[in-house]
Amino acid sequence: MLTLTYNHPAIPAQERRLQQFIVDNAPILAFNAIATSYGDITYIQLQNVFNHQLAQWWILPHDNPQPANQYEASYWTLIQTLNGISDYQLMGDSFIQHKVVTLSCYLLNIGPCPQIATINRP
C-alpha cells in the first residue's frame, strides 16, 4: 500500500468558489479588453462586462483581501486598470494598451506572467 508523504492542505469551500469565479470570468474579461482595445467592441460593452462581474463577485462570501495566486492578482489588476481609464485612453494610449494586452494574454494563457504590484481583492 502506498502512503502519500505530502498532502496538499484542504482549500475551504468558500475559497474554492472564489477561485472558480476567477477561472470562469478572467478569460471573458481579457478577451473583451483586447477586443475593446482594437475597436472591435465599444468601451461601454466592456464596462458592462466588468460591472456585471463585480456585481457577481460581491454576492460571493469572502473575507480574505489577498488574491489566492498570481492569476487572480492579474485579474484584479486588469479590473483596476480598466475601471480607472476612459475609452480614448484604452484605444489611444500605447502604454495602457500594452498593459491591458499583457495582462489579458496572461489571463488567456497565451502570454507570460506579468510583473504587477501588490493588489487586494475588492
Protein backbone atom coordinates (compact mmCIF):
# COMPACT_ATOMS: atom_id res chain seq x y z
CA MET A 1 0.00 0.00 0.00
CA LEU A 2 1.22 3.49 -0.90
CA THR A 3 1.28 6.26 1.63
CA LEU A 4 1.41 9.84 0.49
CA THR A 5 4.24 11.76 2.10
CA TYR A 6 2.81 15.15 1.24
CA ASN A 7 -0.81 16.15 1.41
CA HIS A 8 -1.98 19.41 -0.08
CA PRO A 9 -3.80 21.44 2.52
CA ALA A 10 -7.52 21.35 2.00
CA ILE A 11 -8.85 24.51 0.42
CA PRO A 12 -12.02 25.70 2.15
CA ALA A 13 -15.16 25.54 0.03
CA GLN A 14 -15.54 29.32 0.18
CA GLU A 15 -12.06 29.86 -1.27
CA ARG A 16 -12.68 27.21 -3.96
CA ARG A 17 -15.79 29.14 -5.06
CA LEU A 18 -13.78 32.36 -5.24
CA GLN A 19 -11.04 30.72 -7.27
CA GLN A 20 -13.62 29.16 -9.59
CA PHE A 21 -15.17 32.59 -10.10
CA ILE A 22 -11.79 33.94 -11.22
CA VAL A 23 -11.13 30.97 -13.52
CA ASP A 24 -14.57 31.37 -15.11
CA ASN A 25 -14.55 35.16 -15.50
CA ALA A 26 -10.93 36.19 -16.16
CA PRO A 27 -10.78 34.88 -19.76
CA ILE A 28 -14.07 36.59 -20.61
CA LEU A 29 -12.84 39.92 -19.30
CA ALA A 30 -9.45 39.50 -21.00
CA PHE A 31 -11.00 38.70 -24.38
CA ASN A 32 -13.33 41.71 -24.14
CA ALA A 33 -10.49 44.01 -23.05
CA ILE A 34 -8.42 43.05 -26.09
CA ALA A 35 -11.43 43.41 -28.38
CA THR A 36 -12.11 46.89 -27.00
CA SER A 37 -8.50 48.00 -27.34
CA TYR A 38 -8.66 47.06 -31.02
CA GLY A 39 -12.02 48.76 -31.52
CA ASP A 40 -13.99 45.56 -32.11
CA ILE A 41 -16.45 46.26 -29.28
CA THR A 42 -17.32 49.50 -27.51
CA TYR A 43 -15.90 50.58 -24.20
CA ILE A 44 -19.45 50.67 -22.80
CA GLN A 45 -19.81 46.95 -23.62
CA LEU A 46 -16.53 46.27 -21.81
CA GLN A 47 -17.71 48.30 -18.80
CA ASN A 48 -20.90 46.23 -18.74
CA VAL A 49 -18.80 43.05 -18.61
CA PHE A 50 -16.62 44.10 -15.70
CA ASN A 51 -19.52 45.75 -13.82
CA HIS A 52 -21.51 42.53 -14.16
CA GLN A 53 -18.53 40.51 -12.95
CA LEU A 54 -18.03 42.81 -9.97
CA ALA A 55 -21.72 42.53 -9.09
CA GLN A 56 -21.40 38.74 -9.12
CA TRP A 57 -18.22 38.96 -7.02
CA TRP A 58 -19.96 40.94 -4.28
CA ILE A 59 -22.59 38.21 -3.95
CA LEU A 60 -19.88 35.68 -3.01
CA PRO A 61 -18.86 35.44 0.65
CA HIS A 62 -15.24 36.47 1.10
CA ASP A 63 -13.20 37.77 3.97
CA ASN A 64 -9.60 37.43 2.78
CA PRO A 65 -8.40 40.58 0.98
CA GLN A 66 -5.38 38.84 -0.56
CA PRO A 67 -5.61 37.21 -4.00
CA ALA A 68 -5.04 33.47 -3.89
CA ASN A 69 -2.39 33.49 -6.63
CA GLN A 70 -0.73 35.50 -9.39
CA TYR A 71 -3.54 34.69 -11.83
CA GLU A 72 -6.15 36.24 -9.53
CA ALA A 73 -3.89 39.23 -8.82
CA SER A 74 -3.59 39.78 -12.58
CA TYR A 75 -7.38 39.66 -12.92
CA TRP A 76 -7.85 42.34 -10.24
CA THR A 77 -5.08 44.45 -11.76
CA LEU A 78 -6.88 44.32 -15.11
CA ILE A 79 -10.17 45.27 -13.45
CA GLN A 80 -8.49 48.17 -11.68
CA THR A 81 -6.78 49.34 -14.87
CA LEU A 82 -9.96 49.21 -16.92
CA ASN A 83 -12.01 50.90 -14.23
CA GLY A 84 -9.60 53.82 -13.99
CA ILE A 85 -9.39 54.79 -17.65
CA SER A 86 -11.62 56.13 -20.39
CA ASP A 87 -12.31 54.71 -23.82
CA TYR A 88 -9.94 57.05 -25.63
CA GLN A 89 -7.12 56.10 -23.23
CA LEU A 90 -7.65 52.38 -23.88
CA MET A 91 -7.69 52.84 -27.62
CA GLY A 92 -5.13 55.63 -27.90
CA ASP A 93 -2.52 55.30 -25.15
CA SER A 94 0.12 52.75 -26.14
CA PHE A 95 1.31 52.25 -22.53
CA ILE A 96 -2.20 51.41 -21.32
CA GLN A 97 -2.82 49.20 -24.37
CA HIS A 98 0.39 47.30 -23.66
CA LYS A 99 -0.56 46.80 -20.00
CA VAL A 100 -4.07 45.64 -20.87
CA VAL A 101 -2.90 43.29 -23.61
CA THR A 102 -0.10 41.85 -21.43
CA LEU A 103 -2.48 41.14 -18.55
CA SER A 104 -5.14 39.81 -20.93
CA CYS A 105 -2.77 37.45 -22.72
CA TYR A 106 -1.68 36.00 -19.39
CA LEU A 107 -5.30 35.55 -18.31
CA LEU A 108 -5.98 33.79 -21.62
CA ASN A 109 -2.93 31.55 -21.03
CA ILE A 110 -1.20 32.79 -24.17
CA GLY A 111 1.38 35.05 -22.56
CA PRO A 112 3.90 35.10 -19.71
CA CYS A 113 3.05 36.14 -16.18
CA PRO A 114 3.35 39.94 -15.98
CA GLN A 115 5.12 41.84 -13.23
CA ILE A 116 2.42 43.52 -11.19
CA ALA A 117 2.29 45.46 -7.96
CA THR A 118 0.62 44.03 -4.88
CA ILE A 119 -3.14 44.34 -5.10
CA ASN A 120 -6.04 43.41 -2.86
CA ARG A 121 -9.39 41.94 -3.70
CA PRO A 122 -12.23 44.47 -3.76
